[in-house]
Amino acid sequence: MSINLTLRTSADSNVVALIERLELGENSGQEPVAIPQPPNRTPVRTREQSLALPAVMGTVRGWSRKEGFLGSVVLASRDHNRITVYSQFEPDTGDDAQPALRVLDSIDALGIPARTLDRRTYDLMWRDGNEALTAVSPLHTPVVHFGLFTVLDDQADALLEKVEATAPASLVTPGLRTINFHRSHDRQRVINFGTWSTFEHFHVLHEQPGFTTGEKYWQGLATFENDYFDVIGVIGKNATAGEELLG
């Protein structure tokens, strides 16, 4: 099974996204440092990730029976001790569902130290790609890139204008299938959910206009961090154990 994430403008997508990003392990008291680029070619799977992922999958599978649920992608960071869950809902259910839909609770129940890095609801603002739709599955898009923008001085709209003008240049990168930009409801975050078949040629991205050293298109508009993930599972509406693809 795979789910199709049809990411158009917020006016006609009829979808909101809930993104929960978790850091596992003991809290050192220091914020995670932005990871180097390009991503590690060999994923690093921590003990905490391996223990927590089955519980996370089970929790999200339970969401699939809720009204308004459209699908979730469970992601494990290949550079950090992190798990992220990206979920889509019909617009009338996204914000209301937030208090009840927390994967952190399932990890806490296992006694694994964990904390929430970020948890917000997003509108799907703009997409482009080498494919007409954004289809996510462990076979089609085994790796996903999050471009994490923390917006400066209410510059979300200005950042999205820059995105539309500059981001399509990234699509010449071998392995990059689609780019999908989301703006949080509080307008403090923009996330690019980038789908990839492979990260092997990620370095080509940094040779494109707007992405080279000293020429980042988001300068003055946002601070930026990458995170690189393996797609662990995709869960569609009314899923049962064994139906979804697992990485």
C-alpha atoms as a PDB file:
ATOM      1  CA  MET A   1       0.000   0.000   0.000  1.00  0.00           C
ATOM      2  CA  SER A   2       1.138   3.551  -0.633  1.00  0.00           C
ATOM      3  CA  ILE A   3      -0.640   6.828  -0.134  1.00  0.00           C
ATOM      4  CA  ASN A   4      -0.699   9.649  -2.644  1.00  0.00           C
ATOM      5  CA  LEU A   5      -0.011  13.038  -1.123  1.00  0.00           C
ATOM      6  CA  THR A   6      -1.614  15.411  -3.593  1.00  0.00           C
ATOM      7  CA  LEU A   7      -0.029  18.699  -2.603  1.00  0.00           C
ATOM      8  CA  ARG A   8      -1.538  21.719  -4.335  1.00  0.00           C
ATOM      9  CA  THR A   9      -2.158  25.202  -2.939  1.00  0.00           C
ATOM     10  CA  SER A  10      -4.057  25.493   0.312  1.00  0.00           C
ATOM     11  CA  ALA A  11      -7.106  26.808  -1.570  1.00  0.00           C
ATOM     12  CA  ASP A  12      -7.814  23.504  -3.305  1.00  0.00           C
ATOM     13  CA  SER A  13      -5.768  20.768  -1.629  1.00  0.00           C
ATOM     14  CA  ASN A  14      -8.514  20.039   0.956  1.00  0.00           C
ATOM     15  CA  VAL A  15      -5.797  18.649   3.250  1.00  0.00           C
ATOM     16  CA  VAL A  16      -3.912  19.739   6.364  1.00  0.00           C
ATOM     17  CA  ALA A  17      -0.746  18.098   7.679  1.00  0.00           C
ATOM     18  CA  LEU A  18       0.101  17.324  11.311  1.00  0.00           C
ATOM     19  CA  ILE A  19       3.857  16.870  11.843  1.00  0.00           C
ATOM     20  CA  GLU A  20       5.285  15.567  15.130  1.00  0.00           C
ATOM     21  CA  ARG A  21       9.084  15.509  15.442  1.00  0.00           C
ATOM     22  CA  LEU A  22      10.642  13.619  18.368  1.00  0.00           C
ATOM     23  CA  GLU A  23      14.138  13.347  19.812  1.00  0.00           C
ATOM     24  CA  LEU A  24      14.877  10.037  21.583  1.00  0.00           C
ATOM     25  CA  GLY A  25      17.389   9.291  24.326  1.00  0.00           C
ATOM     26  CA  GLU A  26      18.423  11.313  27.350  1.00  0.00           C
ATOM     27  CA  ASN A  27      18.179  15.072  26.967  1.00  0.00           C
ATOM     28  CA  SER A  28      21.648  16.594  27.138  1.00  0.00           C
ATOM     29  CA  GLY A  29      20.190  20.039  27.733  1.00  0.00           C
ATOM     30  CA  GLN A  30      21.590  21.248  24.419  1.00  0.00           C
ATOM     31  CA  GLU A  31      19.617  21.777  21.262  1.00  0.00           C
ATOM     32  CA  PRO A  32      20.600  19.435  18.405  1.00  0.00           C
ATOM     33  CA  VAL A  33      23.169  20.885  16.035  1.00  0.00           C
ATOM     34  CA  ALA A  34      22.220  21.132  12.368  1.00  0.00           C
ATOM     35  CA  ILE A  35      23.536  18.045  10.619  1.00  0.00           C
ATOM     36  CA  PRO A  36      26.172  18.246   7.899  1.00  0.00           C
ATOM     37  CA  GLN A  37      25.311  18.030   4.229  1.00  0.00           C
ATOM     38  CA  PRO A  38      25.018  15.873   2.265  1.00  0.00           C
ATOM     39  CA  PRO A  39      23.221  13.169   4.304  1.00  0.00           C
ATOM     40  CA  ASN A  40      24.986  10.058   5.494  1.00  0.00           C
ATOM     41  CA  ARG A  41      24.894   7.437   2.762  1.00  0.00           C
ATOM     42  CA  THR A  42      24.490   4.681   5.345  1.00  0.00           C
ATOM     43  CA  PRO A  43      21.617   5.217   7.780  1.00  0.00           C
ATOM     44  CA  VAL A  44      22.333   4.980  11.487  1.00  0.00           C
ATOM     45  CA  ARG A  45      19.521   3.258  13.394  1.00  0.00           C
ATOM     46  CA  THR A  46      19.761   3.697  17.145  1.00  0.00           C
ATOM     47  CA  ARG A  47      18.605   1.244  19.800  1.00  0.00           C
ATOM     48  CA  GLU A  48      15.873   3.667  20.906  1.00  0.00           C
ATOM     49  CA  GLN A  49      14.596   4.027  17.340  1.00  0.00           C
ATOM     50  CA  SER A  50      14.472   0.267  16.866  1.00  0.00           C
ATOM     51  CA  LEU A  51      12.487  -0.177  20.093  1.00  0.00           C
ATOM     52  CA  ALA A  52      10.122   2.743  19.531  1.00  0.00           C
ATOM     53  CA  LEU A  53       9.224   2.330  15.850  1.00  0.00           C
ATOM     54  CA  PRO A  54       6.871  -0.690  16.255  1.00  0.00           C
ATOM     55  CA  ALA A  55       4.927   1.189  18.956  1.00  0.00           C
ATOM     56  CA  VAL A  56       4.731   4.293  16.786  1.00  0.00           C
ATOM     57  CA  MET A  57       3.448   2.252  13.858  1.00  0.00           C
ATOM     58  CA  GLY A  58       0.798   0.702  16.087  1.00  0.00           C
ATOM     59  CA  THR A  59      -0.305   4.083  17.401  1.00  0.00           C
ATOM     60  CA  VAL A  60      -0.631   5.590  13.932  1.00  0.00           C
ATOM     61  CA  ARG A  61      -2.460   2.498  12.678  1.00  0.00           C
ATOM     62  CA  GLY A  62      -5.042   3.228  15.369  1.00  0.00           C
ATOM     63  CA  TRP A  63      -5.492   6.759  14.024  1.00  0.00           C
ATOM     64  CA  SER A  64      -6.421   5.348  10.609  1.00  0.00           C
ATOM     65  CA  ARG A  65      -9.951   4.633  11.823  1.00  0.00           C
ATOM     66  CA  LYS A  66     -10.571   8.199  12.931  1.00  0.00           C
ATOM     67  CA  GLU A  67     -12.873  10.382  10.899  1.00  0.00           C
ATOM     68  CA  GLY A  68     -10.949  12.749   8.655  1.00  0.00           C
ATOM     69  CA  PHE A  69      -7.704  10.750   8.676  1.00  0.00           C
ATOM     70  CA  LEU A  70      -6.131  10.427   5.210  1.00  0.00           C
ATOM     71  CA  GLY A  71      -2.713   8.863   5.798  1.00  0.00           C
ATOM     72  CA  SER A  72       0.597   8.961   7.681  1.00  0.00           C
ATOM     73  CA  VAL A  73       4.258   8.451   6.895  1.00  0.00           C
ATOM     74  CA  VAL A  74       6.516   7.191   9.719  1.00  0.00           C
ATOM     75  CA  LEU A  75      10.109   8.393   9.340  1.00  0.00           C
ATOM     76  CA  ALA A  76      13.363   7.541  11.151  1.00  0.00           C
ATOM     77  CA  SER A  77      16.214  10.041  10.976  1.00  0.00           C
ATOM     78  CA  ARG A  78      19.374   8.566   9.497  1.00  0.00           C
ATOM     79  CA  ASP A  79      21.659  11.105  11.217  1.00  0.00           C
ATOM     80  CA  HIS A  80      19.956  11.805  14.542  1.00  0.00           C
ATOM     81  CA  ASN A  81      18.195   9.814  17.247  1.00  0.00           C
ATOM     82  CA  ARG A  82      14.823  11.038  15.961  1.00  0.00           C
ATOM     83  CA  ILE A  83      11.452   9.815  14.751  1.00  0.00           C
ATOM     84  CA  THR A  84       8.989  11.966  12.806  1.00  0.00           C
ATOM     85  CA  VAL A  85       5.381  11.257  11.883  1.00  0.00           C
ATOM     86  CA  TYR A  86       3.841  13.183   8.978  1.00  0.00           C
ATOM     87  CA  SER A  87       0.040  12.823   8.787  1.00  0.00           C
ATOM     88  CA  GLN A  88      -2.670  14.248   6.565  1.00  0.00           C
ATOM     89  CA  PHE A  89      -6.252  15.025   7.589  1.00  0.00           C
ATOM     90  CA  GLU A  90      -9.308  16.655   6.139  1.00  0.00           C
ATOM     91  CA  PRO A  91      -9.214  20.362   7.090  1.00  0.00           C
ATOM     92  CA  ASP A  92     -12.025  20.235   9.647  1.00  0.00           C
ATOM     93  CA  THR A  93     -10.240  17.584  11.724  1.00  0.00           C
ATOM     94  CA  GLY A  94      -6.570  18.648  11.735  1.00  0.00           C
ATOM     95  CA  ASP A  95      -6.480  21.188  14.559  1.00  0.00           C
ATOM     96  CA  ASP A  96      -9.172  19.491  16.648  1.00  0.00           C
ATOM     97  CA  ALA A  97      -7.312  16.176  16.477  1.00  0.00           C
ATOM     98  CA  GLN A  98      -4.009  17.543  17.768  1.00  0.00           C
ATOM     99  CA  PRO A  99      -4.488  16.977  21.522  1.00  0.00           C
ATOM    100  CA  ALA A 100      -5.433  13.316  21.037  1.00  0.00           C
ATOM    101  CA  LEU A 101      -2.972  12.329  18.303  1.00  0.00           C
ATOM    102  CA  ARG A 102       0.434  12.160  19.952  1.00  0.00           C
ATOM    103  CA  VAL A 103       2.988   9.479  19.157  1.00  0.00           C
ATOM    104  CA  LEU A 104       5.132  10.650  22.080  1.00  0.00           C
ATOM    105  CA  ASP A 105       2.718   8.969  24.497  1.00  0.00           C
ATOM    106  CA  SER A 106       3.337   5.534  22.955  1.00  0.00           C
ATOM    107  CA  ILE A 107       7.113   5.983  23.345  1.00  0.00           C
ATOM    108  CA  ASP A 108       6.795   7.171  26.944  1.00  0.00           C
ATOM    109  CA  ALA A 109       4.870   3.986  27.722  1.00  0.00           C
ATOM    110  CA  LEU A 110       7.948   1.963  26.754  1.00  0.00           C
ATOM    111  CA  GLY A 111      10.151   3.855  29.191  1.00  0.00           C
ATOM    112  CA  ILE A 112      12.269   5.301  26.364  1.00  0.00           C
ATOM    113  CA  PRO A 113      13.384   8.871  27.076  1.00  0.00           C
ATOM    114  CA  ALA A 114      11.914  11.173  24.426  1.00  0.00           C
ATOM    115  CA  ARG A 115      10.916  14.785  23.931  1.00  0.00           C
ATOM    116  CA  THR A 116       8.996  16.747  21.353  1.00  0.00           C
ATOM    117  CA  LEU A 117      11.139  18.888  19.072  1.00  0.00           C
ATOM    118  CA  ASP A 118       8.190  20.327  17.211  1.00  0.00           C
ATOM    119  CA  ARG A 119       4.503  19.580  16.733  1.00  0.00           C
ATOM    120  CA  ARG A 120       2.379  21.751  14.477  1.00  0.00           C
ATOM    121  CA  THR A 121      -0.427  21.712  11.939  1.00  0.00           C
ATOM    122  CA  TYR A 122       0.429  22.882   8.424  1.00  0.00           C
ATOM    123  CA  ASP A 123      -1.278  23.985   5.249  1.00  0.00           C
ATOM    124  CA  LEU A 124       0.107  22.649   1.967  1.00  0.00           C
ATOM    125  CA  MET A 125       1.150  25.792   0.144  1.00  0.00           C
ATOM    126  CA  TRP A 126       3.108  24.850  -2.960  1.00  0.00           C
ATOM    127  CA  ARG A 127       4.633  21.876  -4.723  1.00  0.00           C
ATOM    128  CA  ASP A 128       6.653  20.993  -7.795  1.00  0.00           C
ATOM    129  CA  GLY A 129       8.332  17.863  -8.985  1.00  0.00           C
ATOM    130  CA  ASN A 130       9.381  15.381 -11.595  1.00  0.00           C
ATOM    131  CA  GLU A 131       6.083  13.550 -10.990  1.00  0.00           C
ATOM    132  CA  ALA A 132       2.499  14.781 -11.265  1.00  0.00           C
ATOM    133  CA  LEU A 133       1.612  13.597  -7.745  1.00  0.00           C
ATOM    134  CA  THR A 134       3.641  13.157  -4.593  1.00  0.00           C
ATOM    135  CA  ALA A 135       3.422   9.420  -3.895  1.00  0.00           C
ATOM    136  CA  VAL A 136       5.242   8.122  -0.819  1.00  0.00           C
ATOM    137  CA  SER A 137       6.164   4.501  -0.096  1.00  0.00           C
ATOM    138  CA  PRO A 138       9.251   2.629   1.124  1.00  0.00           C
ATOM    139  CA  LEU A 139       9.732   1.242  -2.408  1.00  0.00           C
ATOM    140  CA  HIS A 140       9.039   4.354  -4.487  1.00  0.00           C
ATOM    141  CA  THR A 141      10.551   6.988  -2.179  1.00  0.00           C
ATOM    142  CA  PRO A 142      12.619   5.155   0.453  1.00  0.00           C
ATOM    143  CA  VAL A 143      14.202   8.387   1.699  1.00  0.00           C
ATOM    144  CA  VAL A 144      12.713  11.785   2.571  1.00  0.00           C
ATOM    145  CA  HIS A 145      14.365  15.131   3.211  1.00  0.00           C
ATOM    146  CA  PHE A 146      12.878  17.753   5.536  1.00  0.00           C
ATOM    147  CA  GLY A 147      14.027  21.306   4.925  1.00  0.00           C
ATOM    148  CA  LEU A 148      13.130  22.990   8.243  1.00  0.00           C
ATOM    149  CA  PHE A 149      12.717  26.771   8.068  1.00  0.00           C
ATOM    150  CA  THR A 150      12.160  28.824  11.216  1.00  0.00           C
ATOM    151  CA  VAL A 151      10.662  32.053   9.901  1.00  0.00           C
ATOM    152  CA  LEU A 152      12.118  35.408  10.938  1.00  0.00           C
ATOM    153  CA  ASP A 153       9.950  38.498  11.603  1.00  0.00           C
ATOM    154  CA  ASP A 154       6.708  37.210  10.070  1.00  0.00           C
ATOM    155  CA  GLN A 155       8.389  36.585   6.713  1.00  0.00           C
ATOM    156  CA  ALA A 156       6.516  33.388   5.825  1.00  0.00           C
ATOM    157  CA  ASP A 157       4.849  34.838   2.737  1.00  0.00           C
ATOM    158  CA  ALA A 158       8.088  36.405   1.504  1.00  0.00           C
ATOM    159  CA  LEU A 159       9.855  33.081   2.018  1.00  0.00           C
ATOM    160  CA  LEU A 160       7.211  31.245   0.007  1.00  0.00           C
ATOM    161  CA  GLU A 161       7.610  33.759  -2.829  1.00  0.00           C
ATOM    162  CA  LYS A 162      11.337  32.965  -2.856  1.00  0.00           C
ATOM    163  CA  VAL A 163      10.521  29.250  -2.772  1.00  0.00           C
ATOM    164  CA  GLU A 164       8.332  29.463  -5.855  1.00  0.00           C
ATOM    165  CA  ALA A 165      10.990  31.420  -7.739  1.00  0.00           C
ATOM    166  CA  THR A 166      14.034  29.377  -6.693  1.00  0.00           C
ATOM    167  CA  ALA A 167      13.143  25.883  -5.475  1.00  0.00           C
ATOM    168  CA  PRO A 168      12.379  24.404  -8.952  1.00  0.00           C
ATOM    169  CA  ALA A 169      16.108  24.658  -9.718  1.00  0.00           C
ATOM    170  CA  SER A 170      16.622  21.812  -7.243  1.00  0.00           C
ATOM    171  CA  LEU A 171      14.684  19.346  -9.409  1.00  0.00           C
ATOM    172  CA  VAL A 172      17.660  18.651 -11.665  1.00  0.00           C
ATOM    173  CA  THR A 173      19.199  16.716  -8.750  1.00  0.00           C
ATOM    174  CA  PRO A 174      19.239  12.981  -9.596  1.00  0.00           C
ATOM    175  CA  GLY A 175      17.009  11.078  -7.204  1.00  0.00           C
ATOM    176  CA  LEU A 176      14.821  14.048  -6.211  1.00  0.00           C
ATOM    177  CA  ARG A 177      11.210  13.305  -7.103  1.00  0.00           C
ATOM    178  CA  THR A 178       9.120  16.115  -5.562  1.00  0.00           C
ATOM    179  CA  ILE A 179       9.312  19.170  -3.304  1.00  0.00           C
ATOM    180  CA  ASN A 180       6.310  19.999  -1.117  1.00  0.00           C
ATOM    181  CA  PHE A 181       6.258  23.185   0.971  1.00  0.00           C
ATOM    182  CA  HIS A 182       4.068  23.531   4.063  1.00  0.00           C
ATOM    183  CA  ARG A 183       3.379  26.617   6.221  1.00  0.00           C
ATOM    184  CA  SER A 184       2.411  26.135   9.860  1.00  0.00           C
ATOM    185  CA  HIS A 185      -0.834  27.610  11.101  1.00  0.00           C
ATOM    186  CA  ASP A 186       1.117  29.830  13.507  1.00  0.00           C
ATOM    187  CA  ARG A 187       3.248  31.005  10.513  1.00  0.00           C
ATOM    188  CA  GLN A 188       6.470  30.352  12.445  1.00  0.00           C
ATOM    189  CA  ARG A 189       7.576  27.330  10.429  1.00  0.00           C
ATOM    190  CA  VAL A 190       7.874  26.314   6.798  1.00  0.00           C
ATOM    191  CA  ILE A 191       8.772  22.705   6.006  1.00  0.00           C
ATOM    192  CA  ASN A 192       9.738  21.250   2.659  1.00  0.00           C
ATOM    193  CA  PHE A 193       8.821  17.558   2.531  1.00  0.00           C
ATOM    194  CA  GLY A 194      11.156  16.369  -0.244  1.00  0.00           C
ATOM    195  CA  THR A 195      10.699  12.872  -1.662  1.00  0.00           C
ATOM    196  CA  TRP A 196      13.729  11.019  -3.031  1.00  0.00           C
ATOM    197  CA  SER A 197      14.553   7.675  -4.592  1.00  0.00           C
ATOM    198  CA  THR A 198      18.168   7.995  -3.385  1.00  0.00           C
ATOM    199  CA  PHE A 199      20.443  10.503  -1.646  1.00  0.00           C
ATOM    200  CA  GLU A 200      23.514   9.329  -3.595  1.00  0.00           C
ATOM    201  CA  HIS A 201      23.664  12.495  -5.712  1.00  0.00           C
ATOM    202  CA  PHE A 202      22.536  15.003  -3.097  1.00  0.00           C
ATOM    203  CA  HIS A 203      25.705  17.051  -3.684  1.00  0.00           C
ATOM    204  CA  VAL A 204      24.342  18.147  -7.072  1.00  0.00           C
ATOM    205  CA  LEU A 205      21.714  20.210  -5.233  1.00  0.00           C
ATOM    206  CA  HIS A 206      24.429  22.462  -3.804  1.00  0.00           C
ATOM    207  CA  GLU A 207      25.611  23.335  -7.300  1.00  0.00           C
ATOM    208  CA  GLN A 208      22.274  24.936  -8.268  1.00  0.00           C
ATOM    209  CA  PRO A 209      21.419  28.670  -8.135  1.00  0.00           C
ATOM    210  CA  GLY A 210      20.071  29.612  -4.723  1.00  0.00           C
ATOM    211  CA  PHE A 211      21.573  26.549  -3.030  1.00  0.00           C
ATOM    212  CA  THR A 212      25.336  27.175  -3.265  1.00  0.00           C
ATOM    213  CA  THR A 213      27.447  28.274  -0.300  1.00  0.00           C
ATOM    214  CA  GLY A 214      26.788  31.947   0.368  1.00  0.00           C
ATOM    215  CA  GLU A 215      23.755  32.014  -1.947  1.00  0.00           C
ATOM    216  CA  LYS A 216      20.999  30.411   0.101  1.00  0.00           C
ATOM    217  CA  TYR A 217      17.656  31.723  -1.077  1.00  0.00           C
ATOM    218  CA  TRP A 218      16.236  31.847   2.466  1.00  0.00           C
ATOM    219  CA  GLN A 219      18.919  34.169   3.852  1.00  0.00           C
ATOM    220  CA  GLY A 220      17.349  37.024   5.811  1.00  0.00           C
ATOM    221  CA  LEU A 221      13.973  35.289   5.811  1.00  0.00           C
ATOM    222  CA  ALA A 222      14.513  32.170   7.965  1.00  0.00           C
ATOM    223  CA  THR A 223      17.026  30.025   9.758  1.00  0.00           C
ATOM    224  CA  PHE A 224      17.411  26.561   8.292  1.00  0.00           C
ATOM    225  CA  GLU A 225      18.142  22.972   9.252  1.00  0.00           C
ATOM    226  CA  ASN A 226      18.078  19.725   7.278  1.00  0.00           C
ATOM    227  CA  ASP A 227      16.930  16.352   8.495  1.00  0.00           C
ATOM    228  CA  TYR A 228      17.201  13.189   6.430  1.00  0.00           C
ATOM    229  CA  PHE A 229      14.938  10.195   6.942  1.00  0.00           C
ATOM    230  CA  ASP A 230      14.296   6.621   5.943  1.00  0.00           C
ATOM    231  CA  VAL A 231      10.638   5.859   5.200  1.00  0.00           C
ATOM    232  CA  ILE A 232       9.737   3.155   7.715  1.00  0.00           C
ATOM    233  CA  GLY A 233       6.063   2.762   6.907  1.00  0.00           C
ATOM    234  CA  VAL A 234       3.071   4.319   5.169  1.00  0.00           C
ATOM    235  CA  ILE A 235      -0.346   3.895   6.753  1.00  0.00           C
ATOM    236  CA  GLY A 236      -3.551   4.632   4.865  1.00  0.00           C
ATOM    237  CA  LYS A 237      -7.118   5.022   6.036  1.00  0.00           C
ATOM    238  CA  ASN A 238      -8.541   1.995   7.915  1.00  0.00           C
ATOM    239  CA  ALA A 239      -5.199   0.197   7.869  1.00  0.00           C
ATOM    240  CA  THR A 240      -4.684  -3.125   9.618  1.00  0.00           C
ATOM    241  CA  ALA A 241      -1.451  -4.778  10.701  1.00  0.00           C
ATOM    242  CA  GLY A 242       0.443  -6.139   7.720  1.00  0.00           C
ATOM    243  CA  GLU A 243      -1.276  -3.936   5.140  1.00  0.00           C
ATOM    244  CA  GLU A 244       1.312  -1.163   5.072  1.00  0.00           C
ATOM    245  CA  LEU A 245       4.771  -1.420   3.552  1.00  0.00           C
ATOM    246  CA  LEU A 246       7.591  -1.466   6.056  1.00  0.00           C
ATOM    247  CA  GLY A 247      11.189  -0.458   5.491  1.00  0.00           C
END
